[in-house]
Amino acid sequence: MSPRPTLPEPCKAALERLIRIAHSDTGQSRIVANFLLAWWNASANGGFDLVELWAVDQEIAQDMILICRVIAACRCYPGTLGYKKEFEKIWELWREPSESKAVSI
């Protein structure tokens, strides 16, 4: 079994900041969650509209751009990097249907 890829510290810090934001409940959190979930599984979670970068603070956009470079370079999914639980929580918060989120007809 090959060792788990590791991220350089600035990339790890950026990813962990984005994860913290996605675990919140704000408009920017939704955008960051959409971005991260598109990396996790775009076909199941939807793609990411790049112009959404315009709707987040510049620091958040810079972290997202850095993570794009990480994705291109590492060619691996977040679970491979050790972030499976964090991404599952993002999915639960932003994608998993629940009775409290469901709209009754």
N, C-alpha and C. Protein backbone atom coordinates (compact mmCIF):
# COMPACT_ATOMS: atom_id res chain seq x y z
N MET A 1 0.85 -1.18 0.00
CA MET A 1 0.00 0.00 0.00
C MET A 1 0.89 1.24 0.00
N SER A 2 0.59 2.17 -0.90
CA SER A 2 1.41 3.38 -0.97
C SER A 2 1.03 4.34 0.14
N PRO A 3 1.98 5.15 0.60
CA PRO A 3 1.68 6.09 1.68
C PRO A 3 0.69 7.16 1.23
N ARG A 4 -0.05 7.68 2.19
CA ARG A 4 -1.01 8.75 1.92
C ARG A 4 -0.26 10.00 1.46
N PRO A 5 -0.75 10.64 0.40
CA PRO A 5 -0.12 11.90 -0.01
C PRO A 5 -0.25 12.94 1.10
N THR A 6 0.70 13.81 1.20
CA THR A 6 0.64 14.89 2.18
C THR A 6 0.64 16.23 1.46
N LEU A 7 0.01 17.17 2.09
CA LEU A 7 -0.06 18.52 1.54
C LEU A 7 1.00 19.40 2.18
N PRO A 8 1.59 20.29 1.40
CA PRO A 8 2.45 21.30 2.01
C PRO A 8 1.63 22.12 3.01
N GLU A 9 2.25 22.60 4.04
CA GLU A 9 1.54 23.30 5.13
C GLU A 9 0.63 24.42 4.66
N PRO A 10 1.06 25.31 3.73
CA PRO A 10 0.13 26.37 3.30
C PRO A 10 -1.14 25.82 2.64
N CYS A 11 -1.00 24.72 1.90
CA CYS A 11 -2.16 24.10 1.24
C CYS A 11 -3.06 23.44 2.27
N LYS A 12 -2.47 22.76 3.22
CA LYS A 12 -3.24 22.12 4.29
C LYS A 12 -4.00 23.18 5.08
N ALA A 13 -3.34 24.27 5.41
CA ALA A 13 -4.00 25.35 6.16
C ALA A 13 -5.16 25.93 5.37
N ALA A 14 -4.98 26.14 4.06
CA ALA A 14 -6.05 26.68 3.22
C ALA A 14 -7.23 25.72 3.17
N LEU A 15 -6.95 24.43 2.98
CA LEU A 15 -8.03 23.44 2.92
C LEU A 15 -8.78 23.38 4.24
N GLU A 16 -8.08 23.42 5.33
CA GLU A 16 -8.73 23.34 6.64
C GLU A 16 -9.54 24.60 6.93
N ARG A 17 -9.09 25.76 6.45
CA ARG A 17 -9.91 26.98 6.58
C ARG A 17 -11.20 26.83 5.79
N LEU A 18 -11.09 26.31 4.57
CA LEU A 18 -12.27 26.13 3.74
C LEU A 18 -13.23 25.12 4.37
N ILE A 19 -12.71 24.06 4.93
CA ILE A 19 -13.56 23.07 5.60
C ILE A 19 -14.31 23.72 6.75
N ARG A 20 -13.61 24.53 7.57
CA ARG A 20 -14.28 25.21 8.69
C ARG A 20 -15.40 26.12 8.18
N ILE A 21 -15.15 26.82 7.10
CA ILE A 21 -16.17 27.71 6.54
C ILE A 21 -17.36 26.88 6.05
N ALA A 22 -17.10 25.78 5.37
CA ALA A 22 -18.17 24.93 4.83
C ALA A 22 -18.99 24.28 5.94
N HIS A 23 -18.42 24.15 7.12
CA HIS A 23 -19.15 23.58 8.26
C HIS A 23 -20.06 24.61 8.92
N SER A 24 -20.03 25.85 8.46
CA SER A 24 -20.87 26.92 8.99
C SER A 24 -22.15 27.03 8.18
N ASP A 25 -22.94 28.05 8.46
CA ASP A 25 -24.21 28.23 7.77
C ASP A 25 -24.36 29.68 7.32
N THR A 26 -23.62 30.03 6.27
CA THR A 26 -23.70 31.37 5.70
C THR A 26 -23.74 31.24 4.18
N GLY A 27 -23.96 32.33 3.50
CA GLY A 27 -23.93 32.31 2.03
C GLY A 27 -22.56 31.90 1.52
N GLN A 28 -21.52 32.42 2.14
CA GLN A 28 -20.16 32.04 1.73
C GLN A 28 -19.90 30.57 2.06
N SER A 29 -20.47 30.08 3.15
CA SER A 29 -20.32 28.67 3.51
C SER A 29 -20.92 27.77 2.44
N ARG A 30 -22.07 28.16 1.92
CA ARG A 30 -22.72 27.39 0.87
C ARG A 30 -21.84 27.32 -0.37
N ILE A 31 -21.25 28.43 -0.74
CA ILE A 31 -20.38 28.48 -1.91
C ILE A 31 -19.15 27.61 -1.70
N VAL A 32 -18.53 27.73 -0.55
CA VAL A 32 -17.35 26.91 -0.25
C VAL A 32 -17.72 25.44 -0.21
N ALA A 33 -18.86 25.11 0.38
CA ALA A 33 -19.32 23.71 0.41
C ALA A 33 -19.52 23.20 -1.01
N ASN A 34 -20.15 23.99 -1.87
CA ASN A 34 -20.34 23.57 -3.27
C ASN A 34 -19.00 23.31 -3.95
N PHE A 35 -18.05 24.16 -3.71
CA PHE A 35 -16.70 24.01 -4.28
C PHE A 35 -16.06 22.70 -3.80
N LEU A 36 -16.07 22.48 -2.50
CA LEU A 36 -15.43 21.29 -1.95
C LEU A 36 -16.17 20.02 -2.37
N LEU A 37 -17.49 20.06 -2.37
CA LEU A 37 -18.25 18.87 -2.76
C LEU A 37 -18.10 18.55 -4.24
N ALA A 38 -17.85 19.55 -5.06
CA ALA A 38 -17.58 19.30 -6.48
C ALA A 38 -16.29 18.51 -6.63
N TRP A 39 -15.31 18.77 -5.78
CA TRP A 39 -14.06 18.00 -5.79
C TRP A 39 -14.33 16.58 -5.29
N TRP A 40 -15.12 16.46 -4.25
CA TRP A 40 -15.38 15.15 -3.64
C TRP A 40 -16.09 14.22 -4.62
N ASN A 41 -17.13 14.74 -5.30
CA ASN A 41 -17.86 13.93 -6.27
C ASN A 41 -18.78 14.85 -7.06
N ALA A 42 -18.26 15.41 -8.13
CA ALA A 42 -19.01 16.39 -8.91
C ALA A 42 -20.26 15.81 -9.55
N SER A 43 -20.20 14.56 -10.00
CA SER A 43 -21.37 13.99 -10.66
C SER A 43 -22.53 13.80 -9.69
N ALA A 44 -22.24 13.53 -8.43
CA ALA A 44 -23.30 13.35 -7.43
C ALA A 44 -23.68 14.66 -6.74
N ASN A 45 -22.73 15.58 -6.61
CA ASN A 45 -22.95 16.78 -5.81
C ASN A 45 -23.09 18.05 -6.62
N GLY A 46 -22.96 17.96 -7.91
CA GLY A 46 -23.04 19.15 -8.76
C GLY A 46 -21.67 19.75 -8.97
N GLY A 47 -21.55 20.44 -10.06
CA GLY A 47 -20.30 21.11 -10.36
C GLY A 47 -20.19 22.41 -9.59
N PHE A 48 -19.17 23.17 -9.93
CA PHE A 48 -18.97 24.45 -9.27
C PHE A 48 -18.90 25.55 -10.32
N ASP A 49 -19.71 26.57 -10.15
CA ASP A 49 -19.74 27.73 -11.04
C ASP A 49 -18.60 28.66 -10.64
N LEU A 50 -17.62 28.82 -11.51
CA LEU A 50 -16.44 29.62 -11.18
C LEU A 50 -16.75 31.07 -10.84
N VAL A 51 -17.82 31.63 -11.38
CA VAL A 51 -18.14 33.01 -11.04
C VAL A 51 -18.60 33.15 -9.60
N GLU A 52 -18.86 32.04 -8.92
CA GLU A 52 -19.16 32.09 -7.48
C GLU A 52 -17.97 32.63 -6.70
N LEU A 53 -16.78 32.57 -7.29
CA LEU A 53 -15.61 33.15 -6.64
C LEU A 53 -15.81 34.65 -6.39
N TRP A 54 -16.65 35.27 -7.19
CA TRP A 54 -16.93 36.70 -7.03
C TRP A 54 -17.74 36.99 -5.76
N ALA A 55 -18.40 35.97 -5.24
CA ALA A 55 -19.33 36.16 -4.13
C ALA A 55 -18.73 35.83 -2.76
N VAL A 56 -17.43 35.53 -2.73
CA VAL A 56 -16.78 35.25 -1.45
C VAL A 56 -15.69 36.29 -1.21
N ASP A 57 -15.31 36.44 0.03
CA ASP A 57 -14.22 37.35 0.36
C ASP A 57 -12.96 36.96 -0.41
N GLN A 58 -12.13 37.93 -0.70
CA GLN A 58 -10.92 37.70 -1.49
C GLN A 58 -10.02 36.63 -0.87
N GLU A 59 -9.91 36.60 0.45
CA GLU A 59 -9.06 35.61 1.12
C GLU A 59 -9.60 34.20 0.90
N ILE A 60 -10.91 34.05 0.93
CA ILE A 60 -11.54 32.75 0.69
C ILE A 60 -11.31 32.34 -0.76
N ALA A 61 -11.50 33.28 -1.68
CA ALA A 61 -11.27 32.98 -3.10
C ALA A 61 -9.83 32.54 -3.33
N GLN A 62 -8.88 33.18 -2.68
CA GLN A 62 -7.47 32.79 -2.84
C GLN A 62 -7.23 31.38 -2.32
N ASP A 63 -7.87 31.02 -1.20
CA ASP A 63 -7.75 29.65 -0.69
C ASP A 63 -8.35 28.66 -1.68
N MET A 64 -9.48 29.01 -2.27
CA MET A 64 -10.12 28.12 -3.24
C MET A 64 -9.23 27.93 -4.47
N ILE A 65 -8.62 29.00 -4.92
CA ILE A 65 -7.71 28.91 -6.08
C ILE A 65 -6.50 28.05 -5.75
N LEU A 66 -5.97 28.19 -4.55
CA LEU A 66 -4.85 27.35 -4.12
C LEU A 66 -5.26 25.88 -4.12
N ILE A 67 -6.45 25.59 -3.64
CA ILE A 67 -6.92 24.20 -3.61
C ILE A 67 -7.14 23.68 -5.03
N CYS A 68 -7.53 24.52 -5.96
CA CYS A 68 -7.59 24.09 -7.37
C CYS A 68 -6.23 23.62 -7.85
N ARG A 69 -5.20 24.35 -7.48
CA ARG A 69 -3.85 23.95 -7.86
C ARG A 69 -3.45 22.64 -7.18
N VAL A 70 -3.86 22.47 -5.93
CA VAL A 70 -3.60 21.22 -5.21
C VAL A 70 -4.27 20.06 -5.94
N ILE A 71 -5.53 20.24 -6.31
CA ILE A 71 -6.27 19.18 -6.99
C ILE A 71 -5.56 18.80 -8.28
N ALA A 72 -5.13 19.78 -9.04
CA ALA A 72 -4.45 19.50 -10.30
C ALA A 72 -3.12 18.78 -10.08
N ALA A 73 -2.41 19.15 -9.03
CA ALA A 73 -1.09 18.57 -8.78
C ALA A 73 -1.14 17.19 -8.13
N CYS A 74 -2.03 17.01 -7.16
CA CYS A 74 -2.02 15.75 -6.40
C CYS A 74 -2.82 14.65 -7.07
N ARG A 75 -3.79 15.04 -7.91
CA ARG A 75 -4.62 14.05 -8.61
C ARG A 75 -5.21 13.03 -7.65
N CYS A 76 -5.76 13.54 -6.55
CA CYS A 76 -6.37 12.65 -5.56
C CYS A 76 -7.60 13.34 -4.97
N TYR A 77 -8.43 12.51 -4.36
CA TYR A 77 -9.65 12.99 -3.72
C TYR A 77 -9.35 13.35 -2.27
N PRO A 78 -10.23 14.15 -1.65
CA PRO A 78 -9.99 14.57 -0.27
C PRO A 78 -9.86 13.41 0.72
N GLY A 79 -10.60 12.33 0.49
CA GLY A 79 -10.49 11.18 1.38
C GLY A 79 -9.09 10.58 1.38
N THR A 80 -8.45 10.60 0.22
CA THR A 80 -7.08 10.10 0.10
C THR A 80 -6.12 10.94 0.93
N LEU A 81 -6.47 12.19 1.12
CA LEU A 81 -5.63 13.11 1.90
C LEU A 81 -5.96 13.07 3.39
N GLY A 82 -6.94 12.24 3.77
CA GLY A 82 -7.30 12.12 5.18
C GLY A 82 -8.46 12.99 5.63
N TYR A 83 -9.25 13.50 4.69
CA TYR A 83 -10.34 14.42 5.03
C TYR A 83 -11.73 13.82 4.77
N LYS A 84 -11.84 12.51 4.77
CA LYS A 84 -13.12 11.87 4.47
C LYS A 84 -14.21 12.29 5.46
N LYS A 85 -13.94 12.24 6.75
CA LYS A 85 -14.96 12.59 7.75
C LYS A 85 -15.40 14.04 7.62
N GLU A 86 -14.46 14.92 7.38
CA GLU A 86 -14.79 16.34 7.24
C GLU A 86 -15.70 16.58 6.04
N PHE A 87 -15.40 15.87 4.92
CA PHE A 87 -16.21 16.03 3.72
C PHE A 87 -17.58 15.36 3.89
N GLU A 88 -17.64 14.26 4.61
CA GLU A 88 -18.93 13.64 4.90
C GLU A 88 -19.81 14.59 5.70
N LYS A 89 -19.21 15.32 6.64
CA LYS A 89 -19.98 16.29 7.42
C LYS A 89 -20.49 17.42 6.51
N ILE A 90 -19.66 17.88 5.59
CA ILE A 90 -20.10 18.91 4.65
C ILE A 90 -21.28 18.39 3.84
N TRP A 91 -21.18 17.15 3.37
CA TRP A 91 -22.27 16.56 2.60
C TRP A 91 -23.54 16.49 3.44
N GLU A 92 -23.41 16.08 4.68
CA GLU A 92 -24.58 15.99 5.56
C GLU A 92 -25.22 17.37 5.76
N LEU A 93 -24.38 18.38 5.91
CA LEU A 93 -24.89 19.73 6.14
C LEU A 93 -25.56 20.33 4.90
N TRP A 94 -25.01 20.06 3.72
CA TRP A 94 -25.43 20.77 2.53
C TRP A 94 -26.15 19.93 1.48
N ARG A 95 -26.09 18.60 1.60
CA ARG A 95 -26.72 17.77 0.57
C ARG A 95 -27.69 16.73 1.11
N GLU A 96 -27.43 16.18 2.26
CA GLU A 96 -28.26 15.10 2.76
C GLU A 96 -29.66 15.60 3.06
N PRO A 97 -30.66 14.96 2.48
CA PRO A 97 -32.04 15.35 2.81
C PRO A 97 -32.37 14.95 4.24
N SER A 98 -33.09 15.80 4.92
CA SER A 98 -33.55 15.46 6.26
C SER A 98 -34.96 16.01 6.41
N GLU A 99 -35.66 15.51 7.40
CA GLU A 99 -37.04 15.96 7.61
C GLU A 99 -37.09 17.46 7.89
N SER A 100 -36.08 17.96 8.60
CA SER A 100 -36.10 19.39 8.91
C SER A 100 -35.83 20.25 7.69
N LYS A 101 -35.13 19.70 6.67
CA LYS A 101 -34.84 20.44 5.47
C LYS A 101 -35.88 20.20 4.38
N ALA A 102 -36.59 19.09 4.48
CA ALA A 102 -37.53 18.69 3.42
C ALA A 102 -38.74 19.62 3.39
N VAL A 103 -39.24 19.83 2.20
CA VAL A 103 -40.44 20.64 2.02
C VAL A 103 -41.57 19.65 1.75
N SER A 104 -42.63 19.74 2.53
CA SER A 104 -43.75 18.83 2.30
C SER A 104 -44.66 19.39 1.21
N ILE A 105 -45.28 18.48 0.50
CA ILE A 105 -46.16 18.88 -0.59
C ILE A 105 -47.59 18.72 -0.15
